[in-house]
């Protein structure tokens, strides 16, 4: 069983589908917000793999000896983007989107983010807004979602005008448009550490497969920054 953040759903599903070809093996995939996954492990869940969308949750489990820290490595990286939808994009001239601070201060709807106090994508977004000096002005105008894909959906459906998600998520949904690539120096580096909870033979075989070049090429195709190219 693989526990992974919602932002990996499309890419990791493709990787695991490729791995399972010609193998008599069943792999259960669970995609939720990292905080939800970590809490389930703390409550006794025993997946074979845990992939986190930040280092903090991984360290949280390592300190409690709930995962095998000697096998932890950084699988992927990502970045944050600000998004809108076609409906909102068509209301404005291109010059309207030339100042990220003004865009988020002047929105007519709430701002779509993953949970800013628990989900990595939301934590990173909050950090960005703090560093550009507008968090205190917009924090009560945030719509918090349980994971980044839910935050993406609010903008994609047209319910909300703007949101902040991972670049890989924005590239998946053709109904959203990237209006800003957020300055990576203004938030903590987005990393996806992976580890295992046991050293069973099937676990180790998949663990090694995830490091291979052909695996990395799939993640790269989905917009991730690979660390084992």
C-alpha atoms as a PDB file:
ATOM      1  CA  UNK A   1       0.000   0.000   0.000  1.00  0.00           C
ATOM      2  CA  UNK A   2       1.252   3.466  -0.931  1.00  0.00           C
ATOM      3  CA  UNK A   3       0.291   6.623   0.980  1.00  0.00           C
ATOM      4  CA  UNK A   4       0.921   9.692  -1.193  1.00  0.00           C
ATOM      5  CA  UNK A   5      -0.180  13.344  -1.328  1.00  0.00           C
ATOM      6  CA  UNK A   6      -3.048  14.272  -3.636  1.00  0.00           C
ATOM      7  CA  UNK A   7      -0.711  16.228  -5.907  1.00  0.00           C
ATOM      8  CA  UNK A   8       0.953  12.965  -6.993  1.00  0.00           C
ATOM      9  CA  UNK A   9      -2.232  11.156  -8.006  1.00  0.00           C
ATOM     10  CA  UNK A  10      -1.889  11.297 -11.798  1.00  0.00           C
ATOM     11  CA  UNK A  11       1.857  10.852 -12.061  1.00  0.00           C
ATOM     12  CA  UNK A  12       2.295   8.165  -9.416  1.00  0.00           C
ATOM     13  CA  UNK A  13      -0.695   6.205 -10.704  1.00  0.00           C
ATOM     14  CA  UNK A  14       0.999   6.059 -14.109  1.00  0.00           C
ATOM     15  CA  UNK A  15       4.290   4.973 -12.535  1.00  0.00           C
ATOM     16  CA  UNK A  16       2.626   2.212 -10.528  1.00  0.00           C
ATOM     17  CA  UNK A  17       0.613   1.060 -13.528  1.00  0.00           C
ATOM     18  CA  UNK A  18       3.864   0.645 -15.453  1.00  0.00           C
ATOM     19  CA  UNK A  19       5.440  -1.207 -12.536  1.00  0.00           C
ATOM     20  CA  UNK A  20       2.531  -3.634 -12.177  1.00  0.00           C
ATOM     21  CA  UNK A  21       2.606  -4.646 -15.848  1.00  0.00           C
ATOM     22  CA  UNK A  22       3.520  -8.316 -16.187  1.00  0.00           C
ATOM     23  CA  UNK A  23       3.701  -8.636 -12.403  1.00  0.00           C
ATOM     24  CA  UNK A  24       1.245 -10.558 -10.269  1.00  0.00           C
ATOM     25  CA  UNK A  25       1.010  -7.803  -7.699  1.00  0.00           C
ATOM     26  CA  UNK A  26      -1.693  -5.557  -6.283  1.00  0.00           C
ATOM     27  CA  UNK A  27      -0.782  -2.117  -4.976  1.00  0.00           C
ATOM     28  CA  UNK A  28      -3.385  -0.104  -3.096  1.00  0.00           C
ATOM     29  CA  UNK A  29      -2.966   3.629  -3.619  1.00  0.00           C
ATOM     30  CA  UNK A  30      -4.227   6.187  -1.092  1.00  0.00           C
ATOM     31  CA  UNK A  31      -4.081   9.864  -2.076  1.00  0.00           C
ATOM     32  CA  UNK A  32      -4.951  12.483   0.549  1.00  0.00           C
ATOM     33  CA  UNK A  33      -3.452  15.585   2.091  1.00  0.00           C
ATOM     34  CA  UNK A  34      -0.083  14.849   3.712  1.00  0.00           C
ATOM     35  CA  UNK A  35      -1.373  15.798   7.160  1.00  0.00           C
ATOM     36  CA  UNK A  36      -4.246  13.306   6.848  1.00  0.00           C
ATOM     37  CA  UNK A  37      -1.889  10.534   5.746  1.00  0.00           C
ATOM     38  CA  UNK A  38       0.571  11.198   8.559  1.00  0.00           C
ATOM     39  CA  UNK A  39      -2.244  11.200  11.103  1.00  0.00           C
ATOM     40  CA  UNK A  40      -3.479   7.847   9.823  1.00  0.00           C
ATOM     41  CA  UNK A  41       0.007   6.377  10.291  1.00  0.00           C
ATOM     42  CA  UNK A  42       0.116   7.794  13.826  1.00  0.00           C
ATOM     43  CA  UNK A  43      -3.231   6.116  14.450  1.00  0.00           C
ATOM     44  CA  UNK A  44      -1.927   2.715  13.406  1.00  0.00           C
ATOM     45  CA  UNK A  45      -2.171   2.545   9.606  1.00  0.00           C
ATOM     46  CA  UNK A  46       0.674   0.528   8.104  1.00  0.00           C
ATOM     47  CA  UNK A  47       1.268   1.355   4.442  1.00  0.00           C
ATOM     48  CA  UNK A  48       4.415   0.032   2.801  1.00  0.00           C
ATOM     49  CA  UNK A  49       5.332   3.496   1.491  1.00  0.00           C
ATOM     50  CA  UNK A  50       4.787   7.042   2.686  1.00  0.00           C
ATOM     51  CA  UNK A  51       5.422  10.025   0.433  1.00  0.00           C
ATOM     52  CA  UNK A  52       5.127  13.454   2.018  1.00  0.00           C
ATOM     53  CA  UNK A  53       4.745  16.855   0.357  1.00  0.00           C
ATOM     54  CA  UNK A  54       7.159  18.402   2.850  1.00  0.00           C
ATOM     55  CA  UNK A  55      10.019  17.413   5.143  1.00  0.00           C
ATOM     56  CA  UNK A  56       8.271  18.466   8.344  1.00  0.00           C
ATOM     57  CA  UNK A  57       5.667  15.714   8.273  1.00  0.00           C
ATOM     58  CA  UNK A  58       8.306  13.146   7.371  1.00  0.00           C
ATOM     59  CA  UNK A  59      10.491  14.224  10.311  1.00  0.00           C
ATOM     60  CA  UNK A  60       7.416  14.166  12.533  1.00  0.00           C
ATOM     61  CA  UNK A  61       6.959  10.440  11.811  1.00  0.00           C
ATOM     62  CA  UNK A  62      10.683   9.695  11.905  1.00  0.00           C
ATOM     63  CA  UNK A  63      10.974  11.131  15.421  1.00  0.00           C
ATOM     64  CA  UNK A  64       8.248   8.761  16.534  1.00  0.00           C
ATOM     65  CA  UNK A  65       9.995   5.853  14.777  1.00  0.00           C
ATOM     66  CA  UNK A  66       6.898   5.145  12.706  1.00  0.00           C
ATOM     67  CA  UNK A  67       8.840   5.017   9.429  1.00  0.00           C
ATOM     68  CA  UNK A  68      12.309   3.725   8.494  1.00  0.00           C
ATOM     69  CA  UNK A  69      14.315   6.943   8.403  1.00  0.00           C
ATOM     70  CA  UNK A  70      17.439   5.280   6.950  1.00  0.00           C
ATOM     71  CA  UNK A  71      15.519   4.780   3.702  1.00  0.00           C
ATOM     72  CA  UNK A  72      14.199   8.338   3.341  1.00  0.00           C
ATOM     73  CA  UNK A  73      15.252  10.264   0.256  1.00  0.00           C
ATOM     74  CA  UNK A  74      13.953  13.211  -1.777  1.00  0.00           C
ATOM     75  CA  UNK A  75      11.979  11.788  -4.672  1.00  0.00           C
ATOM     76  CA  UNK A  76      10.805  15.001  -6.371  1.00  0.00           C
ATOM     77  CA  UNK A  77      10.529  18.772  -6.146  1.00  0.00           C
ATOM     78  CA  UNK A  78       7.784  21.161  -7.223  1.00  0.00           C
ATOM     79  CA  UNK A  79       6.928  24.858  -7.308  1.00  0.00           C
ATOM     80  CA  UNK A  80       3.944  27.109  -6.616  1.00  0.00           C
ATOM     81  CA  UNK A  81       1.857  28.983  -9.157  1.00  0.00           C
ATOM     82  CA  UNK A  82      -1.087  31.351  -8.953  1.00  0.00           C
ATOM     83  CA  UNK A  83      -4.035  30.292 -11.087  1.00  0.00           C
ATOM     84  CA  UNK A  84      -7.299  31.598 -12.442  1.00  0.00           C
ATOM     85  CA  UNK A  85      -9.918  30.227 -14.850  1.00  0.00           C
ATOM     86  CA  UNK A  86     -10.931  31.175 -18.400  1.00  0.00           C
ATOM     87  CA  UNK A  87     -14.053  32.989 -17.205  1.00  0.00           C
ATOM     88  CA  UNK A  88     -12.065  35.330 -14.974  1.00  0.00           C
ATOM     89  CA  UNK A  89      -9.157  35.612 -17.407  1.00  0.00           C
ATOM     90  CA  UNK A  90     -11.441  36.895 -20.160  1.00  0.00           C
ATOM     91  CA  UNK A  91     -12.785  39.687 -17.925  1.00  0.00           C
ATOM     92  CA  UNK A  92      -9.409  41.420 -17.785  1.00  0.00           C
ATOM     93  CA  UNK A  93      -6.738  42.677 -20.150  1.00  0.00           C
ATOM     94  CA  UNK A  94      -3.350  40.896 -20.034  1.00  0.00           C
ATOM     95  CA  UNK A  95      -1.853  43.935 -18.290  1.00  0.00           C
ATOM     96  CA  UNK A  96      -4.183  43.354 -15.344  1.00  0.00           C
ATOM     97  CA  UNK A  97      -2.062  40.416 -14.262  1.00  0.00           C
ATOM     98  CA  UNK A  98       1.240  42.209 -13.779  1.00  0.00           C
ATOM     99  CA  UNK A  99       1.278  42.504 -10.000  1.00  0.00           C
ATOM    100  CA  UNK A 100       0.674  39.480  -7.806  1.00  0.00           C
ATOM    101  CA  UNK A 101       0.034  41.585  -4.700  1.00  0.00           C
ATOM    102  CA  UNK A 102      -2.703  43.659  -6.360  1.00  0.00           C
ATOM    103  CA  UNK A 103      -4.321  40.592  -7.889  1.00  0.00           C
ATOM    104  CA  UNK A 104      -4.854  38.873  -4.554  1.00  0.00           C
ATOM    105  CA  UNK A 105      -5.778  42.051  -2.702  1.00  0.00           C
ATOM    106  CA  UNK A 106      -8.464  42.955  -5.253  1.00  0.00           C
ATOM    107  CA  UNK A 107     -10.187  39.615  -5.822  1.00  0.00           C
ATOM    108  CA  UNK A 108     -13.990  39.546  -5.662  1.00  0.00           C
ATOM    109  CA  UNK A 109     -14.086  36.036  -4.212  1.00  0.00           C
ATOM    110  CA  UNK A 110     -12.255  34.105  -1.558  1.00  0.00           C
ATOM    111  CA  UNK A 111      -8.762  32.799  -2.371  1.00  0.00           C
ATOM    112  CA  UNK A 112      -8.496  29.057  -2.887  1.00  0.00           C
ATOM    113  CA  UNK A 113      -5.677  27.432  -0.901  1.00  0.00           C
ATOM    114  CA  UNK A 114      -4.997  24.077   0.679  1.00  0.00           C
ATOM    115  CA  UNK A 115      -5.275  24.221   4.487  1.00  0.00           C
ATOM    116  CA  UNK A 116      -2.670  26.801   5.444  1.00  0.00           C
ATOM    117  CA  UNK A 117      -1.891  25.333   8.868  1.00  0.00           C
ATOM    118  CA  UNK A 118      -1.663  21.656   7.936  1.00  0.00           C
ATOM    119  CA  UNK A 119      -1.341  20.868   4.228  1.00  0.00           C
ATOM    120  CA  UNK A 120       2.099  21.581   2.720  1.00  0.00           C
ATOM    121  CA  UNK A 121       0.773  23.399  -0.373  1.00  0.00           C
ATOM    122  CA  UNK A 122      -1.185  25.733   1.896  1.00  0.00           C
ATOM    123  CA  UNK A 123       1.710  26.190   4.300  1.00  0.00           C
ATOM    124  CA  UNK A 124       4.001  27.186   1.431  1.00  0.00           C
ATOM    125  CA  UNK A 125       1.381  29.566  -0.005  1.00  0.00           C
ATOM    126  CA  UNK A 126       0.875  31.255   3.367  1.00  0.00           C
ATOM    127  CA  UNK A 127       4.645  31.668   3.681  1.00  0.00           C
ATOM    128  CA  UNK A 128       4.775  33.322   0.255  1.00  0.00           C
ATOM    129  CA  UNK A 129       1.997  35.768   1.130  1.00  0.00           C
ATOM    130  CA  UNK A 130       3.688  36.575   4.433  1.00  0.00           C
ATOM    131  CA  UNK A 131       6.941  37.313   2.632  1.00  0.00           C
ATOM    132  CA  UNK A 132       5.312  39.709   0.156  1.00  0.00           C
ATOM    133  CA  UNK A 133       3.570  41.459   3.040  1.00  0.00           C
ATOM    134  CA  UNK A 134      -0.121  40.815   2.377  1.00  0.00           C
ATOM    135  CA  UNK A 135      -1.015  37.782   4.498  1.00  0.00           C
ATOM    136  CA  UNK A 136      -2.581  39.826   7.309  1.00  0.00           C
ATOM    137  CA  UNK A 137      -4.797  41.566   4.744  1.00  0.00           C
ATOM    138  CA  UNK A 138      -6.013  38.432   2.969  1.00  0.00           C
ATOM    139  CA  UNK A 139      -6.008  35.707   5.637  1.00  0.00           C
ATOM    140  CA  UNK A 140      -9.724  36.086   6.407  1.00  0.00           C
ATOM    141  CA  UNK A 141     -10.487  35.855   2.699  1.00  0.00           C
ATOM    142  CA  UNK A 142      -8.985  32.381   2.265  1.00  0.00           C
ATOM    143  CA  UNK A 143     -11.029  29.285   1.427  1.00  0.00           C
ATOM    144  CA  UNK A 144      -9.139  26.368   2.971  1.00  0.00           C
ATOM    145  CA  UNK A 145      -9.372  22.962   1.274  1.00  0.00           C
ATOM    146  CA  UNK A 146      -8.298  19.566   2.673  1.00  0.00           C
ATOM    147  CA  UNK A 147      -5.765  19.047  -0.132  1.00  0.00           C
ATOM    148  CA  UNK A 148      -4.297  20.860  -3.112  1.00  0.00           C
ATOM    149  CA  UNK A 149      -6.493  19.112  -5.690  1.00  0.00           C
ATOM    150  CA  UNK A 150      -9.596  20.360  -3.891  1.00  0.00           C
ATOM    151  CA  UNK A 151      -8.160  23.889  -3.942  1.00  0.00           C
ATOM    152  CA  UNK A 152      -7.548  23.504  -7.674  1.00  0.00           C
ATOM    153  CA  UNK A 153     -11.140  22.380  -8.268  1.00  0.00           C
ATOM    154  CA  UNK A 154     -12.678  25.520  -6.768  1.00  0.00           C
ATOM    155  CA  UNK A 155     -10.885  27.655  -9.346  1.00  0.00           C
ATOM    156  CA  UNK A 156     -11.358  25.191 -12.196  1.00  0.00           C
ATOM    157  CA  UNK A 157     -15.141  25.127 -11.666  1.00  0.00           C
ATOM    158  CA  UNK A 158     -15.301  28.915 -11.540  1.00  0.00           C
ATOM    159  CA  UNK A 159     -16.437  29.047  -7.913  1.00  0.00           C
ATOM    160  CA  UNK A 160     -13.415  31.158  -6.955  1.00  0.00           C
ATOM    161  CA  UNK A 161     -11.336  33.549  -9.066  1.00  0.00           C
ATOM    162  CA  UNK A 162      -7.832  32.770  -7.846  1.00  0.00           C
ATOM    163  CA  UNK A 163      -5.840  30.136  -6.043  1.00  0.00           C
ATOM    164  CA  UNK A 164      -2.328  28.912  -5.381  1.00  0.00           C
ATOM    165  CA  UNK A 165      -1.413  25.328  -6.200  1.00  0.00           C
ATOM    166  CA  UNK A 166       1.574  23.295  -7.301  1.00  0.00           C
ATOM    167  CA  UNK A 167       2.664  23.829 -10.884  1.00  0.00           C
ATOM    168  CA  UNK A 168       2.217  20.118 -11.597  1.00  0.00           C
ATOM    169  CA  UNK A 169      -1.460  20.354 -10.565  1.00  0.00           C
ATOM    170  CA  UNK A 170      -2.112  23.424 -12.694  1.00  0.00           C
ATOM    171  CA  UNK A 171      -0.680  21.668 -15.751  1.00  0.00           C
ATOM    172  CA  UNK A 172      -3.097  18.758 -15.292  1.00  0.00           C
ATOM    173  CA  UNK A 173      -6.288  20.853 -15.409  1.00  0.00           C
ATOM    174  CA  UNK A 174      -6.949  22.507 -18.778  1.00  0.00           C
ATOM    175  CA  UNK A 175      -9.641  24.738 -17.251  1.00  0.00           C
ATOM    176  CA  UNK A 176      -7.148  26.746 -15.206  1.00  0.00           C
ATOM    177  CA  UNK A 177      -4.499  29.167 -16.384  1.00  0.00           C
ATOM    178  CA  UNK A 178      -1.220  29.994 -14.682  1.00  0.00           C
ATOM    179  CA  UNK A 179      -0.982  33.751 -14.161  1.00  0.00           C
ATOM    180  CA  UNK A 180       2.111  33.872 -11.946  1.00  0.00           C
ATOM    181  CA  UNK A 181       4.972  31.511 -11.194  1.00  0.00           C
ATOM    182  CA  UNK A 182       5.668  32.441  -7.585  1.00  0.00           C
ATOM    183  CA  UNK A 183       9.209  33.445  -6.666  1.00  0.00           C
ATOM    184  CA  UNK A 184      10.797  30.300  -5.201  1.00  0.00           C
ATOM    185  CA  UNK A 185      13.027  32.370  -2.931  1.00  0.00           C
ATOM    186  CA  UNK A 186       9.930  33.506  -1.012  1.00  0.00           C
ATOM    187  CA  UNK A 187       8.807  30.117   0.303  1.00  0.00           C
ATOM    188  CA  UNK A 188      10.406  26.921   1.541  1.00  0.00           C
ATOM    189  CA  UNK A 189      11.634  24.601  -1.191  1.00  0.00           C
ATOM    190  CA  UNK A 190       8.873  22.172  -2.154  1.00  0.00           C
ATOM    191  CA  UNK A 191      10.230  18.652  -1.745  1.00  0.00           C
ATOM    192  CA  UNK A 192       8.632  15.213  -1.736  1.00  0.00           C
ATOM    193  CA  UNK A 193      10.513  12.853   0.574  1.00  0.00           C
ATOM    194  CA  UNK A 194       9.664   9.168   0.367  1.00  0.00           C
ATOM    195  CA  UNK A 195      10.297   6.363   2.827  1.00  0.00           C
ATOM    196  CA  UNK A 196       9.175   2.850   3.671  1.00  0.00           C
ATOM    197  CA  UNK A 197       7.644   1.240   6.743  1.00  0.00           C
ATOM    198  CA  UNK A 198       9.006  -2.266   6.205  1.00  0.00           C
ATOM    199  CA  UNK A 199      11.754  -4.097   4.317  1.00  0.00           C
ATOM    200  CA  UNK A 200       9.654  -6.818   2.718  1.00  0.00           C
ATOM    201  CA  UNK A 201      10.919  -8.046  -0.650  1.00  0.00           C
ATOM    202  CA  UNK A 202       8.030  -6.508  -2.632  1.00  0.00           C
ATOM    203  CA  UNK A 203       8.546  -3.202  -0.855  1.00  0.00           C
ATOM    204  CA  UNK A 204      12.252  -3.091  -1.664  1.00  0.00           C
ATOM    205  CA  UNK A 205      11.688  -3.978  -5.320  1.00  0.00           C
ATOM    206  CA  UNK A 206       9.296  -1.060  -5.780  1.00  0.00           C
ATOM    207  CA  UNK A 207      11.532   1.213  -3.691  1.00  0.00           C
ATOM    208  CA  UNK A 208      14.411   0.628  -6.110  1.00  0.00           C
ATOM    209  CA  UNK A 209      12.146   0.965  -9.145  1.00  0.00           C
ATOM    210  CA  UNK A 210      11.112   4.452  -8.038  1.00  0.00           C
ATOM    211  CA  UNK A 211      14.720   5.637  -8.389  1.00  0.00           C
ATOM    212  CA  UNK A 212      15.102   4.559 -12.007  1.00  0.00           C
ATOM    213  CA  UNK A 213      15.417   6.959 -14.950  1.00  0.00           C
ATOM    214  CA  UNK A 214      12.298   5.679 -16.695  1.00  0.00           C
ATOM    215  CA  UNK A 215      10.320   6.383 -13.533  1.00  0.00           C
ATOM    216  CA  UNK A 216      11.730   9.891 -13.253  1.00  0.00           C
ATOM    217  CA  UNK A 217      10.832  10.604 -16.881  1.00  0.00           C
ATOM    218  CA  UNK A 218       7.155  10.026 -16.064  1.00  0.00           C
ATOM    219  CA  UNK A 219       7.227  12.410 -13.111  1.00  0.00           C
ATOM    220  CA  UNK A 220       9.028  14.968 -15.268  1.00  0.00           C
ATOM    221  CA  UNK A 221       6.303  14.696 -17.910  1.00  0.00           C
ATOM    222  CA  UNK A 222       3.729  15.617 -15.269  1.00  0.00           C
ATOM    223  CA  UNK A 223       5.568  18.849 -14.384  1.00  0.00           C
ATOM    224  CA  UNK A 224       7.678  17.747 -11.415  1.00  0.00           C
ATOM    225  CA  UNK A 225      11.334  18.566 -10.895  1.00  0.00           C
ATOM    226  CA  UNK A 226      13.152  15.251 -10.685  1.00  0.00           C
ATOM    227  CA  UNK A 227      16.053  14.612  -8.333  1.00  0.00           C
ATOM    228  CA  UNK A 228      17.275  11.330  -9.821  1.00  0.00           C
ATOM    229  CA  UNK A 229      17.552  12.158 -13.530  1.00  0.00           C
END
